[in-house]
mmCIF file of all heavy atoms, coordinates in Angstrom:
data_MODEL
# 
_entry.id   MODEL 
# 
loop_
_atom_site.group_PDB 
_atom_site.id 
_atom_site.type_symbol 
_atom_site.label_atom_id 
_atom_site.label_alt_id 
_atom_site.label_comp_id 
_atom_site.label_asym_id 
_atom_site.label_entity_id 
_atom_site.label_seq_id 
_atom_site.pdbx_PDB_ins_code 
_atom_site.Cartn_x 
_atom_site.Cartn_y 
_atom_site.Cartn_z 
_atom_site.occupancy 
_atom_site.B_iso_or_equiv 
_atom_site.pdbx_formal_charge 
_atom_site.auth_seq_id 
_atom_site.auth_comp_id 
_atom_site.auth_asym_id 
_atom_site.auth_atom_id 
_atom_site.pdbx_PDB_model_num 
ATOM 1   N N   . ALA A 1 1  ? 15.811 -2.669 -3.291 1.00 0.00 ? 1  ALA A N   1 
ATOM 2   C CA  . ALA A 1 1  ? 15.800 -4.122 -3.040 1.00 0.00 ? 1  ALA A CA  1 
ATOM 3   C C   . ALA A 1 1  ? 15.620 -4.863 -4.382 1.00 0.00 ? 1  ALA A C   1 
ATOM 4   O O   . ALA A 1 1  ? 16.274 -5.866 -4.616 1.00 0.00 ? 1  ALA A O   1 
ATOM 5   C CB  . ALA A 1 1  ? 14.670 -4.497 -2.102 1.00 0.00 ? 1  ALA A CB  1 
ATOM 6   N N   . SER A 1 2  ? 14.791 -4.315 -5.253 1.00 0.00 ? 2  SER A N   1 
ATOM 7   C CA  . SER A 1 2  ? 14.589 -4.908 -6.551 1.00 0.00 ? 2  SER A CA  1 
ATOM 8   C C   . SER A 1 2  ? 15.903 -4.916 -7.368 1.00 0.00 ? 2  SER A C   1 
ATOM 9   O O   . SER A 1 2  ? 16.135 -5.845 -8.158 1.00 0.00 ? 2  SER A O   1 
ATOM 10  C CB  . SER A 1 2  ? 13.503 -4.125 -7.334 1.00 0.00 ? 2  SER A CB  1 
ATOM 11  O OG  . SER A 1 2  ? 13.330 -4.640 -8.611 1.00 0.00 ? 2  SER A OG  1 
ATOM 12  N N   . ALA A 1 3  ? 16.728 -3.921 -7.155 1.00 0.00 ? 3  ALA A N   1 
ATOM 13  C CA  . ALA A 1 3  ? 18.011 -3.870 -7.879 1.00 0.00 ? 3  ALA A CA  1 
ATOM 14  C C   . ALA A 1 3  ? 19.075 -4.799 -7.270 1.00 0.00 ? 3  ALA A C   1 
ATOM 15  O O   . ALA A 1 3  ? 20.128 -4.957 -7.827 1.00 0.00 ? 3  ALA A O   1 
ATOM 16  C CB  . ALA A 1 3  ? 18.513 -2.419 -7.828 1.00 0.00 ? 3  ALA A CB  1 
ATOM 17  N N   . GLY A 1 4  ? 18.765 -5.403 -6.137 1.00 0.00 ? 4  GLY A N   1 
ATOM 18  C CA  . GLY A 1 4  ? 19.716 -6.310 -5.526 1.00 0.00 ? 4  GLY A CA  1 
ATOM 19  C C   . GLY A 1 4  ? 20.608 -5.671 -4.472 1.00 0.00 ? 4  GLY A C   1 
ATOM 20  O O   . GLY A 1 4  ? 21.582 -6.301 -4.041 1.00 0.00 ? 4  GLY A O   1 
ATOM 21  N N   . SER A 1 5  ? 20.280 -4.478 -4.026 1.00 0.00 ? 5  SER A N   1 
ATOM 22  C CA  . SER A 1 5  ? 21.111 -3.783 -3.025 1.00 0.00 ? 5  SER A CA  1 
ATOM 23  C C   . SER A 1 5  ? 20.957 -4.556 -1.696 1.00 0.00 ? 5  SER A C   1 
ATOM 24  O O   . SER A 1 5  ? 19.899 -5.130 -1.405 1.00 0.00 ? 5  SER A O   1 
ATOM 25  C CB  . SER A 1 5  ? 20.632 -2.354 -2.827 1.00 0.00 ? 5  SER A CB  1 
ATOM 26  O OG  . SER A 1 5  ? 20.809 -1.655 -4.018 1.00 0.00 ? 5  SER A OG  1 
ATOM 27  N N   . PRO A 1 6  ? 21.963 -4.523 -0.812 1.00 0.00 ? 6  PRO A N   1 
ATOM 28  C CA  . PRO A 1 6  ? 21.824 -5.141 0.499  1.00 0.00 ? 6  PRO A CA  1 
ATOM 29  C C   . PRO A 1 6  ? 20.790 -4.442 1.346  1.00 0.00 ? 6  PRO A C   1 
ATOM 30  O O   . PRO A 1 6  ? 20.478 -3.308 1.166  1.00 0.00 ? 6  PRO A O   1 
ATOM 31  C CB  . PRO A 1 6  ? 23.242 -5.035 1.119  1.00 0.00 ? 6  PRO A CB  1 
ATOM 32  C CG  . PRO A 1 6  ? 23.979 -4.025 0.271  1.00 0.00 ? 6  PRO A CG  1 
ATOM 33  C CD  . PRO A 1 6  ? 23.268 -3.911 -1.028 1.00 0.00 ? 6  PRO A CD  1 
ATOM 34  N N   . VAL A 1 7  ? 20.272 -5.160 2.354  1.00 0.00 ? 7  VAL A N   1 
ATOM 35  C CA  . VAL A 1 7  ? 19.203 -4.638 3.182  1.00 0.00 ? 7  VAL A CA  1 
ATOM 36  C C   . VAL A 1 7  ? 19.533 -3.341 3.846  1.00 0.00 ? 7  VAL A C   1 
ATOM 37  O O   . VAL A 1 7  ? 18.746 -2.381 3.857  1.00 0.00 ? 7  VAL A O   1 
ATOM 38  C CB  . VAL A 1 7  ? 18.797 -5.741 4.247  1.00 0.00 ? 7  VAL A CB  1 
ATOM 39  C CG1 . VAL A 1 7  ? 17.847 -5.132 5.292  1.00 0.00 ? 7  VAL A CG1 1 
ATOM 40  C CG2 . VAL A 1 7  ? 18.202 -6.942 3.586  1.00 0.00 ? 7  VAL A CG2 1 
ATOM 41  N N   . ASN A 1 8  ? 20.760 -3.200 4.349  1.00 0.00 ? 8  ASN A N   1 
ATOM 42  C CA  . ASN A 1 8  ? 21.135 -1.977 5.036  1.00 0.00 ? 8  ASN A CA  1 
ATOM 43  C C   . ASN A 1 8  ? 21.103 -0.770 4.068  1.00 0.00 ? 8  ASN A C   1 
ATOM 44  O O   . ASN A 1 8  ? 20.713 0.314  4.417  1.00 0.00 ? 8  ASN A O   1 
ATOM 45  C CB  . ASN A 1 8  ? 22.490 -2.040 5.728  1.00 0.00 ? 8  ASN A CB  1 
ATOM 46  C CG  . ASN A 1 8  ? 23.642 -2.342 4.809  1.00 0.00 ? 8  ASN A CG  1 
ATOM 47  O OD1 . ASN A 1 8  ? 23.505 -3.174 3.892  1.00 0.00 ? 8  ASN A OD1 1 
ATOM 48  N ND2 . ASN A 1 8  ? 24.778 -1.702 5.005  1.00 0.00 ? 8  ASN A ND2 1 
ATOM 49  N N   . ALA A 1 9  ? 21.491 -1.003 2.821  1.00 0.00 ? 9  ALA A N   1 
ATOM 50  C CA  . ALA A 1 9  ? 21.462 0.050  1.793  1.00 0.00 ? 9  ALA A CA  1 
ATOM 51  C C   . ALA A 1 9  ? 20.050 0.419  1.466  1.00 0.00 ? 9  ALA A C   1 
ATOM 52  O O   . ALA A 1 9  ? 19.695 1.584  1.269  1.00 0.00 ? 9  ALA A O   1 
ATOM 53  C CB  . ALA A 1 9  ? 22.219 -0.355 0.561  1.00 0.00 ? 9  ALA A CB  1 
ATOM 54  N N   . CYS A 1 10 ? 19.179 -0.603 1.379  1.00 0.00 ? 10 CYS A N   1 
ATOM 55  C CA  . CYS A 1 10 ? 17.758 -0.333 1.082  1.00 0.00 ? 10 CYS A CA  1 
ATOM 56  C C   . CYS A 1 10 ? 17.107 0.513  2.176  1.00 0.00 ? 10 CYS A C   1 
ATOM 57  O O   . CYS A 1 10 ? 16.387 1.466  1.871  1.00 0.00 ? 10 CYS A O   1 
ATOM 58  C CB  . CYS A 1 10 ? 16.991 -1.657 0.956  1.00 0.00 ? 10 CYS A CB  1 
ATOM 59  S SG  . CYS A 1 10 ? 17.579 -2.722 -0.380 1.00 0.00 ? 10 CYS A SG  1 
ATOM 60  N N   . ILE A 1 11 ? 17.413 0.198  3.422  1.00 0.00 ? 11 ILE A N   1 
ATOM 61  C CA  . ILE A 1 11 ? 16.845 0.958  4.535  1.00 0.00 ? 11 ILE A CA  1 
ATOM 62  C C   . ILE A 1 11 ? 17.422 2.380  4.499  1.00 0.00 ? 11 ILE A C   1 
ATOM 63  O O   . ILE A 1 11 ? 16.699 3.349  4.652  1.00 0.00 ? 11 ILE A O   1 
ATOM 64  C CB  . ILE A 1 11 ? 17.135 0.278  5.880  1.00 0.00 ? 11 ILE A CB  1 
ATOM 65  C CG1 . ILE A 1 11 ? 16.315 -1.013 5.994  1.00 0.00 ? 11 ILE A CG1 1 
ATOM 66  C CG2 . ILE A 1 11 ? 16.786 1.208  7.064  1.00 0.00 ? 11 ILE A CG2 1 
ATOM 67  C CD1 . ILE A 1 11 ? 16.660 -1.879 7.148  1.00 0.00 ? 11 ILE A CD1 1 
ATOM 68  N N   . ALA A 1 12 ? 18.725 2.508  4.244  1.00 0.00 ? 12 ALA A N   1 
ATOM 69  C CA  . ALA A 1 12 ? 19.380 3.826  4.164  1.00 0.00 ? 12 ALA A CA  1 
ATOM 70  C C   . ALA A 1 12 ? 18.728 4.626  3.042  1.00 0.00 ? 12 ALA A C   1 
ATOM 71  O O   . ALA A 1 12 ? 18.477 5.817  3.183  1.00 0.00 ? 12 ALA A O   1 
ATOM 72  C CB  . ALA A 1 12 ? 20.854 3.680  3.920  1.00 0.00 ? 12 ALA A CB  1 
ATOM 73  N N   . GLY A 1 13 ? 18.503 3.993  1.895  1.00 0.00 ? 13 GLY A N   1 
ATOM 74  C CA  . GLY A 1 13 ? 17.857 4.661  0.755  1.00 0.00 ? 13 GLY A CA  1 
ATOM 75  C C   . GLY A 1 13 ? 16.438 5.172  1.120  1.00 0.00 ? 13 GLY A C   1 
ATOM 76  O O   . GLY A 1 13 ? 16.086 6.278  0.734  1.00 0.00 ? 13 GLY A O   1 
ATOM 77  N N   . GLY A 1 14 ? 15.710 4.360  1.856  1.00 0.00 ? 14 GLY A N   1 
ATOM 78  C CA  . GLY A 1 14 ? 14.405 4.794  2.313  1.00 0.00 ? 14 GLY A CA  1 
ATOM 79  C C   . GLY A 1 14 ? 14.476 5.967  3.200  1.00 0.00 ? 14 GLY A C   1 
ATOM 80  O O   . GLY A 1 14 ? 13.747 6.931  3.079  1.00 0.00 ? 14 GLY A O   1 
ATOM 81  N N   . ILE A 1 15 ? 15.438 5.956  4.169  1.00 0.00 ? 15 ILE A N   1 
ATOM 82  C CA  . ILE A 1 15 ? 15.600 7.057  5.073  1.00 0.00 ? 15 ILE A CA  1 
ATOM 83  C C   . ILE A 1 15 ? 16.022 8.334  4.327  1.00 0.00 ? 15 ILE A C   1 
ATOM 84  O O   . ILE A 1 15 ? 15.560 9.448  4.615  1.00 0.00 ? 15 ILE A O   1 
ATOM 85  C CB  . ILE A 1 15 ? 16.621 6.691  6.184  1.00 0.00 ? 15 ILE A CB  1 
ATOM 86  C CG1 . ILE A 1 15 ? 16.050 5.665  7.133  1.00 0.00 ? 15 ILE A CG1 1 
ATOM 87  C CG2 . ILE A 1 15 ? 17.090 7.953  6.964  1.00 0.00 ? 15 ILE A CG2 1 
ATOM 88  C CD1 . ILE A 1 15 ? 17.038 5.041  8.097  1.00 0.00 ? 15 ILE A CD1 1 
ATOM 89  N N   . LEU A 1 16 ? 16.917 8.151  3.360  1.00 0.00 ? 16 LEU A N   1 
ATOM 90  C CA  . LEU A 1 16 ? 17.392 9.317  2.598  1.00 0.00 ? 16 LEU A CA  1 
ATOM 91  C C   . LEU A 1 16 ? 16.298 9.961  1.740  1.00 0.00 ? 16 LEU A C   1 
ATOM 92  O O   . LEU A 1 16 ? 16.469 11.066 1.295  1.00 0.00 ? 16 LEU A O   1 
ATOM 93  C CB  . LEU A 1 16 ? 18.613 8.928  1.738  1.00 0.00 ? 16 LEU A CB  1 
ATOM 94  C CG  . LEU A 1 16 ? 19.872 8.623  2.566  1.00 0.00 ? 16 LEU A CG  1 
ATOM 95  C CD1 . LEU A 1 16 ? 20.947 8.045  1.652  1.00 0.00 ? 16 LEU A CD1 1 
ATOM 96  C CD2 . LEU A 1 16 ? 20.362 9.875  3.287  1.00 0.00 ? 16 LEU A CD2 1 
ATOM 97  N N   . ALA A 1 17 ? 15.182 9.257  1.525  1.00 0.00 ? 17 ALA A N   1 
ATOM 98  C CA  . ALA A 1 17 ? 14.083 9.800  0.769  1.00 0.00 ? 17 ALA A CA  1 
ATOM 99  C C   . ALA A 1 17 ? 13.246 10.777 1.580  1.00 0.00 ? 17 ALA A C   1 
ATOM 100 O O   . ALA A 1 17 ? 12.422 11.505 1.050  1.00 0.00 ? 17 ALA A O   1 
ATOM 101 C CB  . ALA A 1 17 ? 13.197 8.675  0.241  1.00 0.00 ? 17 ALA A CB  1 
ATOM 102 N N   . PHE A 1 18 ? 13.485 10.831 2.912  1.00 0.00 ? 18 PHE A N   1 
ATOM 103 C CA  . PHE A 1 18 ? 12.730 11.784 3.710  1.00 0.00 ? 18 PHE A CA  1 
ATOM 104 C C   . PHE A 1 18 ? 13.213 13.212 3.436  1.00 0.00 ? 18 PHE A C   1 
ATOM 105 O O   . PHE A 1 18 ? 14.400 13.444 3.272  1.00 0.00 ? 18 PHE A O   1 
ATOM 106 C CB  . PHE A 1 18 ? 12.891 11.505 5.219  1.00 0.00 ? 18 PHE A CB  1 
ATOM 107 C CG  . PHE A 1 18 ? 12.325 10.171 5.623  1.00 0.00 ? 18 PHE A CG  1 
ATOM 108 C CD1 . PHE A 1 18 ? 13.071 9.306  6.438  1.00 0.00 ? 18 PHE A CD1 1 
ATOM 109 C CD2 . PHE A 1 18 ? 11.026 9.826  5.253  1.00 0.00 ? 18 PHE A CD2 1 
ATOM 110 C CE1 . PHE A 1 18 ? 12.520 8.101  6.825  1.00 0.00 ? 18 PHE A CE1 1 
ATOM 111 C CE2 . PHE A 1 18 ? 10.520 8.597  5.687  1.00 0.00 ? 18 PHE A CE2 1 
ATOM 112 C CZ  . PHE A 1 18 ? 11.262 7.729  6.465  1.00 0.00 ? 18 PHE A CZ  1 
ATOM 113 N N   . GLY A 1 19 ? 12.259 14.120 3.399  1.00 0.00 ? 19 GLY A N   1 
ATOM 114 C CA  . GLY A 1 19 ? 12.618 15.501 3.102  1.00 0.00 ? 19 GLY A CA  1 
ATOM 115 C C   . GLY A 1 19 ? 11.446 16.410 3.449  1.00 0.00 ? 19 GLY A C   1 
ATOM 116 O O   . GLY A 1 19 ? 10.509 16.018 4.148  1.00 0.00 ? 19 GLY A O   1 
ATOM 117 N N   . GLU A 1 20 ? 11.478 17.570 2.947  1.00 0.00 ? 20 GLU A N   1 
ATOM 118 C CA  . GLU A 1 20 ? 10.438 18.579 3.226  1.00 0.00 ? 20 GLU A CA  1 
ATOM 119 C C   . GLU A 1 20 ? 9.028  18.103 2.916  1.00 0.00 ? 20 GLU A C   1 
ATOM 120 O O   . GLU A 1 20 ? 8.107  18.314 3.651  1.00 0.00 ? 20 GLU A O   1 
ATOM 121 C CB  . GLU A 1 20 ? 10.714 19.872 2.429  1.00 0.00 ? 20 GLU A CB  1 
ATOM 122 C CG  . GLU A 1 20 ? 9.753  20.980 2.761  1.00 0.00 ? 20 GLU A CG  1 
ATOM 123 C CD  . GLU A 1 20 ? 10.085 22.258 2.030  1.00 0.00 ? 20 GLU A CD  1 
ATOM 124 O OE1 . GLU A 1 20 ? 11.254 22.465 1.708  1.00 0.00 ? 20 GLU A OE1 1 
ATOM 125 O OE2 . GLU A 1 20 ? 9.164  23.015 1.746  1.00 0.00 ? 20 GLU A OE2 1 
ATOM 126 N N   . ASN A 1 21 ? 8.907  17.381 1.783  1.00 0.00 ? 21 ASN A N   1 
ATOM 127 C CA  . ASN A 1 21 ? 7.569  16.902 1.364  1.00 0.00 ? 21 ASN A CA  1 
ATOM 128 C C   . ASN A 1 21 ? 7.203  15.536 1.865  1.00 0.00 ? 21 ASN A C   1 
ATOM 129 O O   . ASN A 1 21 ? 6.043  15.086 1.622  1.00 0.00 ? 21 ASN A O   1 
ATOM 130 C CB  . ASN A 1 21 ? 7.489  16.931 -0.178 1.00 0.00 ? 21 ASN A CB  1 
ATOM 131 C CG  . ASN A 1 21 ? 7.680  18.339 -0.694 1.00 0.00 ? 21 ASN A CG  1 
ATOM 132 O OD1 . ASN A 1 21 ? 7.121  19.306 -0.164 1.00 0.00 ? 21 ASN A OD1 1 
ATOM 133 N ND2 . ASN A 1 21 ? 8.470  18.495 -1.716 1.00 0.00 ? 21 ASN A ND2 1 
ATOM 134 N N   . HIS A 1 22 ? 8.114  14.820 2.455  1.00 0.00 ? 22 HIS A N   1 
ATOM 135 C CA  . HIS A 1 22 ? 7.816  13.516 3.047  1.00 0.00 ? 22 HIS A CA  1 
ATOM 136 C C   . HIS A 1 22 ? 8.525  13.390 4.380  1.00 0.00 ? 22 HIS A C   1 
ATOM 137 O O   . HIS A 1 22 ? 9.777  13.362 4.381  1.00 0.00 ? 22 HIS A O   1 
ATOM 138 C CB  . HIS A 1 22 ? 8.269  12.386 2.081  1.00 0.00 ? 22 HIS A CB  1 
ATOM 139 C CG  . HIS A 1 22 ? 8.144  11.016 2.622  1.00 0.00 ? 22 HIS A CG  1 
ATOM 140 N ND1 . HIS A 1 22 ? 7.058  10.581 3.364  1.00 0.00 ? 22 HIS A ND1 1 
ATOM 141 C CD2 . HIS A 1 22 ? 8.997  9.971  2.512  1.00 0.00 ? 22 HIS A CD2 1 
ATOM 142 C CE1 . HIS A 1 22 ? 7.233  9.291  3.680  1.00 0.00 ? 22 HIS A CE1 1 
ATOM 143 N NE2 . HIS A 1 22 ? 8.395  8.898  3.167  1.00 0.00 ? 22 HIS A NE2 1 
ATOM 144 N N   . ALA A 1 23 ? 7.812  13.460 5.470  1.00 0.00 ? 23 ALA A N   1 
ATOM 145 C CA  . ALA A 1 23 ? 8.326  13.443 6.823  1.00 0.00 ? 23 ALA A CA  1 
ATOM 146 C C   . ALA A 1 23 ? 8.701  14.791 7.358  1.00 0.00 ? 23 ALA A C   1 
ATOM 147 O O   . ALA A 1 23 ? 9.058  14.959 8.514  1.00 0.00 ? 23 ALA A O   1 
ATOM 148 C CB  . ALA A 1 23 ? 9.499  12.476 6.996  1.00 0.00 ? 23 ALA A CB  1 
ATOM 149 N N   . GLY A 1 24 ? 8.660  15.820 6.551  1.00 0.00 ? 24 GLY A N   1 
ATOM 150 C CA  . GLY A 1 24 ? 8.999  17.178 6.969  1.00 0.00 ? 24 GLY A CA  1 
ATOM 151 C C   . GLY A 1 24 ? 7.937  17.848 7.778  1.00 0.00 ? 24 GLY A C   1 
ATOM 152 O O   . GLY A 1 24 ? 8.186  18.772 8.552  1.00 0.00 ? 24 GLY A O   1 
ATOM 153 N N   . ALA A 1 25 ? 6.670  17.440 7.567  1.00 0.00 ? 25 ALA A N   1 
ATOM 154 C CA  . ALA A 1 25 ? 5.523  18.075 8.213  1.00 0.00 ? 25 ALA A CA  1 
ATOM 155 C C   . ALA A 1 25 ? 5.632  18.061 9.766  1.00 0.00 ? 25 ALA A C   1 
ATOM 156 O O   . ALA A 1 25 ? 5.253  19.029 10.408 1.00 0.00 ? 25 ALA A O   1 
ATOM 157 C CB  . ALA A 1 25 ? 4.236  17.477 7.783  1.00 0.00 ? 25 ALA A CB  1 
ATOM 158 N N   . ILE A 1 26 ? 6.142  16.924 10.313 1.00 0.00 ? 26 ILE A N   1 
ATOM 159 C CA  . ILE A 1 26 ? 6.198  16.874 11.781 1.00 0.00 ? 26 ILE A CA  1 
ATOM 160 C C   . ILE A 1 26 ? 7.143  17.924 12.353 1.00 0.00 ? 26 ILE A C   1 
ATOM 161 O O   . ILE A 1 26 ? 6.841  18.526 13.373 1.00 0.00 ? 26 ILE A O   1 
ATOM 162 C CB  . ILE A 1 26 ? 6.584  15.441 12.281 1.00 0.00 ? 26 ILE A CB  1 
ATOM 163 C CG1 . ILE A 1 26 ? 6.409  15.423 13.785 1.00 0.00 ? 26 ILE A CG1 1 
ATOM 164 C CG2 . ILE A 1 26 ? 8.005  15.068 11.874 1.00 0.00 ? 26 ILE A CG2 1 
ATOM 165 C CD1 . ILE A 1 26 ? 6.249  14.049 14.358 1.00 0.00 ? 26 ILE A CD1 1 
ATOM 166 N N   . GLU A 1 27 ? 8.275  18.156 11.691 1.00 0.00 ? 27 GLU A N   1 
ATOM 167 C CA  . GLU A 1 27 ? 9.203  19.191 12.151 1.00 0.00 ? 27 GLU A CA  1 
ATOM 168 C C   . GLU A 1 27 ? 8.532  20.585 12.097 1.00 0.00 ? 27 GLU A C   1 
ATOM 169 O O   . GLU A 1 27 ? 8.580  21.369 13.048 1.00 0.00 ? 27 GLU A O   1 
ATOM 170 C CB  . GLU A 1 27 ? 10.466 19.187 11.307 1.00 0.00 ? 27 GLU A CB  1 
ATOM 171 C CG  . GLU A 1 27 ? 11.480 20.227 11.677 1.00 0.00 ? 27 GLU A CG  1 
ATOM 172 C CD  . GLU A 1 27 ? 12.742 20.171 10.862 1.00 0.00 ? 27 GLU A CD  1 
ATOM 173 O OE1 . GLU A 1 27 ? 12.814 19.314 9.927  1.00 0.00 ? 27 GLU A OE1 1 
ATOM 174 O OE2 . GLU A 1 27 ? 13.615 20.978 11.094 1.00 0.00 ? 27 GLU A OE2 1 
# 
């Protein structure tokens, strides 16, 4: 968002940050 990306891209970027060490514990 700071870089000026559109809201949908910012949300997608946040989602793409999920992985084994962040959000993986529930699985």
